[in-house]
């Protein structure tokens, strides 16, 4: 019985060494979460350098983020809605070159949110407060602000076109 005790102790010692070695190698084998995610704010874009040979880009949920392949191996990621989705880049054979999480968050600029009961309005206050529509704003506020912005943009485009058409 005394001869089997050293064998058991030796096996237990070897097993413990294997477990410790395995635990130290696991973190090195797994990619770090920070390297695997792309953080972008709603209504903003970020440029990401892609590996060579990318032929196709797929986004999991286009309501959260939009992606487009640009010349020179660049990808533009645009935040569309709050949340997380993934983006994958494939080569011509269909092999996955990239599979990353895209985390879309609120903008970090100076925003003020005003609640009137259940109605919500957002303002960008840099340096003075101006209307800024955000996901989650009340439908009336959102629509009226968007309509005003569209009207202003159309008028500016019309004025620019009229100015360009006039001879000097």
Protein backbone atom coordinates (compact mmCIF):
# COMPACT_ATOMS: atom_id res chain seq x y z
CA UNK A 1 0.00 0.00 0.00
CA UNK A 2 2.87 2.33 0.70
CA UNK A 3 4.24 1.78 -2.85
CA UNK A 4 0.99 2.97 -4.47
CA UNK A 5 0.89 6.23 -2.50
CA UNK A 6 3.97 7.71 -4.22
CA UNK A 7 2.52 6.74 -7.64
CA UNK A 8 -0.79 8.44 -6.83
CA UNK A 9 1.05 11.49 -5.52
CA UNK A 10 3.19 11.58 -8.70
CA UNK A 11 0.11 11.28 -10.94
CA UNK A 12 -1.69 13.97 -8.96
CA UNK A 13 1.36 16.22 -9.20
CA UNK A 14 1.56 15.65 -13.00
CA UNK A 15 -2.16 16.32 -13.34
CA UNK A 16 -1.88 19.57 -11.40
CA UNK A 17 1.05 20.70 -13.57
CA UNK A 18 -0.99 19.94 -16.71
CA UNK A 19 -3.98 21.91 -15.38
CA UNK A 20 -1.81 24.90 -14.46
CA UNK A 21 -0.09 24.81 -17.85
CA UNK A 22 -3.46 24.55 -19.61
CA UNK A 23 -4.88 27.49 -17.67
CA UNK A 24 -1.87 29.65 -18.50
CA UNK A 25 -2.13 28.81 -22.21
CA UNK A 26 -5.89 29.38 -22.57
CA UNK A 27 -5.79 33.20 -22.23
CA UNK A 28 -2.99 33.37 -24.80
CA UNK A 29 -5.04 31.29 -27.26
CA UNK A 30 -8.18 33.41 -26.90
CA UNK A 31 -8.35 36.82 -28.58
CA UNK A 32 -8.74 39.74 -26.22
CA UNK A 33 -12.27 41.20 -26.16
CA UNK A 34 -10.98 44.72 -26.80
CA UNK A 35 -9.25 43.59 -30.00
CA UNK A 36 -12.40 41.83 -31.16
CA UNK A 37 -14.82 44.75 -30.89
CA UNK A 38 -15.31 47.95 -32.84
CA UNK A 39 -16.82 50.82 -30.85
CA UNK A 40 -18.65 53.51 -32.80
CA UNK A 41 -21.18 56.17 -31.81
CA UNK A 42 -24.64 56.50 -33.37
CA UNK A 43 -24.55 58.74 -36.46
CA UNK A 44 -20.76 58.53 -36.68
CA UNK A 45 -18.38 56.51 -38.82
CA UNK A 46 -15.10 54.76 -38.17
CA UNK A 47 -12.45 53.55 -40.62
CA UNK A 48 -11.09 50.03 -40.14
CA UNK A 49 -8.10 48.60 -42.04
CA UNK A 50 -8.90 45.17 -43.46
CA UNK A 51 -6.55 42.32 -44.27
CA UNK A 52 -5.75 41.68 -47.91
CA UNK A 53 -7.98 39.43 -50.04
CA UNK A 54 -11.33 40.66 -48.64
CA UNK A 55 -14.07 40.03 -51.21
CA UNK A 56 -17.28 40.20 -49.16
CA UNK A 57 -18.39 42.05 -46.04
CA UNK A 58 -21.45 40.93 -44.07
CA UNK A 59 -23.08 42.82 -41.20
CA UNK A 60 -25.32 40.92 -38.80
CA UNK A 61 -27.94 43.63 -38.20
CA UNK A 62 -27.93 46.60 -40.61
CA UNK A 63 -30.31 48.50 -38.29
CA UNK A 64 -27.46 48.74 -35.75
CA UNK A 65 -24.48 49.31 -38.06
CA UNK A 66 -23.80 49.79 -41.74
CA UNK A 67 -20.53 48.78 -43.39
CA UNK A 68 -19.00 49.47 -46.78
CA UNK A 69 -15.80 48.33 -48.43
CA UNK A 70 -13.61 51.17 -49.70
CA UNK A 71 -10.60 51.17 -52.02
CA UNK A 72 -7.27 50.46 -50.36
CA UNK A 73 -8.57 47.76 -48.05
CA UNK A 74 -10.56 50.10 -45.81
CA UNK A 75 -13.98 49.44 -44.30
CA UNK A 76 -16.30 52.22 -43.12
CA UNK A 77 -18.46 51.27 -40.13
CA UNK A 78 -21.38 53.64 -39.45
CA UNK A 79 -23.43 53.50 -36.26
CA UNK A 80 -27.15 53.39 -37.10
CA UNK A 81 -28.82 52.29 -33.85
CA UNK A 82 -27.89 51.38 -30.29
CA UNK A 83 -26.73 47.85 -29.56
CA UNK A 84 -24.28 45.26 -30.75
CA UNK A 85 -23.99 43.27 -33.95
CA UNK A 86 -21.14 41.60 -35.79
CA UNK A 87 -19.30 42.21 -39.02
CA UNK A 88 -17.53 39.52 -41.02
CA UNK A 89 -15.05 39.84 -43.86
CA UNK A 90 -14.70 36.88 -46.23
CA UNK A 91 -12.24 36.09 -48.98
CA UNK A 92 -13.28 34.79 -52.44
CA UNK A 93 -13.34 31.16 -51.21
CA UNK A 94 -15.69 32.08 -48.36
CA UNK A 95 -13.07 31.77 -45.63
CA UNK A 96 -13.69 34.13 -42.69
CA UNK A 97 -10.86 36.66 -42.36
CA UNK A 98 -12.51 38.82 -39.68
CA UNK A 99 -15.47 38.30 -37.34
CA UNK A 100 -15.73 41.25 -34.97
CA UNK A 101 -18.40 42.68 -32.70
CA UNK A 102 -19.59 46.21 -33.49
CA UNK A 103 -20.78 48.04 -30.39
CA UNK A 104 -22.86 51.15 -31.18
CA UNK A 105 -23.20 53.58 -28.29
CA UNK A 106 -24.56 57.05 -27.62
CA UNK A 107 -22.46 60.01 -28.76
CA UNK A 108 -20.07 61.39 -26.17
CA UNK A 109 -20.60 65.06 -26.97
CA UNK A 110 -22.43 67.44 -24.63
CA UNK A 111 -26.06 66.38 -24.91
CA UNK A 112 -29.00 67.49 -22.83
CA UNK A 113 -32.12 65.35 -22.69
CA UNK A 114 -35.40 67.03 -21.72
CA UNK A 115 -38.34 64.95 -20.53
CA UNK A 116 -41.88 66.37 -20.57
CA UNK A 117 -43.87 63.55 -19.07
CA UNK A 118 -43.21 60.67 -21.45
CA UNK A 119 -42.09 62.98 -24.28
CA UNK A 120 -38.32 63.23 -24.82
CA UNK A 121 -36.25 65.86 -26.65
CA UNK A 122 -32.49 65.96 -27.20
CA UNK A 123 -30.26 69.01 -27.56
CA UNK A 124 -26.60 69.41 -28.42
CA UNK A 125 -25.19 72.11 -26.17
CA UNK A 126 -21.81 73.02 -27.69
CA UNK A 127 -21.62 76.01 -27.07
CA UNK A 128 -25.35 76.83 -27.21
CA UNK A 129 -28.22 74.35 -27.07
CA UNK A 130 -29.67 73.39 -30.46
CA UNK A 131 -32.11 70.63 -31.37
CA UNK A 132 -30.48 67.29 -32.12
CA UNK A 133 -32.62 64.31 -32.92
CA UNK A 134 -31.62 61.04 -31.29
CA UNK A 135 -33.05 57.55 -31.35
CA UNK A 136 -35.64 57.46 -28.59
CA UNK A 137 -36.85 61.05 -28.97
CA UNK A 138 -40.61 61.57 -29.12
CA UNK A 139 -42.07 61.01 -32.62
CA UNK A 140 -43.44 64.58 -32.96
CA UNK A 141 -40.14 66.17 -31.91
CA UNK A 142 -38.13 63.77 -34.09
CA UNK A 143 -40.30 64.32 -37.18
CA UNK A 144 -40.53 68.11 -36.87
CA UNK A 145 -36.77 68.47 -36.35
CA UNK A 146 -36.00 66.12 -39.24
CA UNK A 147 -38.45 68.00 -41.49
CA UNK A 148 -36.85 71.34 -40.62
CA UNK A 149 -33.36 69.96 -41.27
CA UNK A 150 -34.44 68.50 -44.61
CA UNK A 151 -36.12 71.75 -45.62
CA UNK A 152 -33.02 73.76 -44.74
CA UNK A 153 -30.78 71.36 -46.67
CA UNK A 154 -33.05 71.55 -49.73
CA UNK A 155 -33.09 75.35 -49.62
CA UNK A 156 -29.31 75.46 -49.31
CA UNK A 157 -28.94 73.07 -52.25
CA UNK A 158 -31.39 75.17 -54.30
CA UNK A 159 -29.52 78.38 -53.50
CA UNK A 160 -26.21 76.76 -54.40
CA UNK A 161 -27.64 75.50 -57.70
CA UNK A 162 -29.15 78.90 -58.49
CA UNK A 163 -25.85 80.62 -57.67
CA UNK A 164 -23.92 78.25 -59.90
CA UNK A 165 -26.36 78.78 -62.80
CA UNK A 166 -26.02 82.59 -62.75
CA UNK A 167 -23.35 83.96 -65.09
CA UNK A 168 -20.81 86.34 -63.61
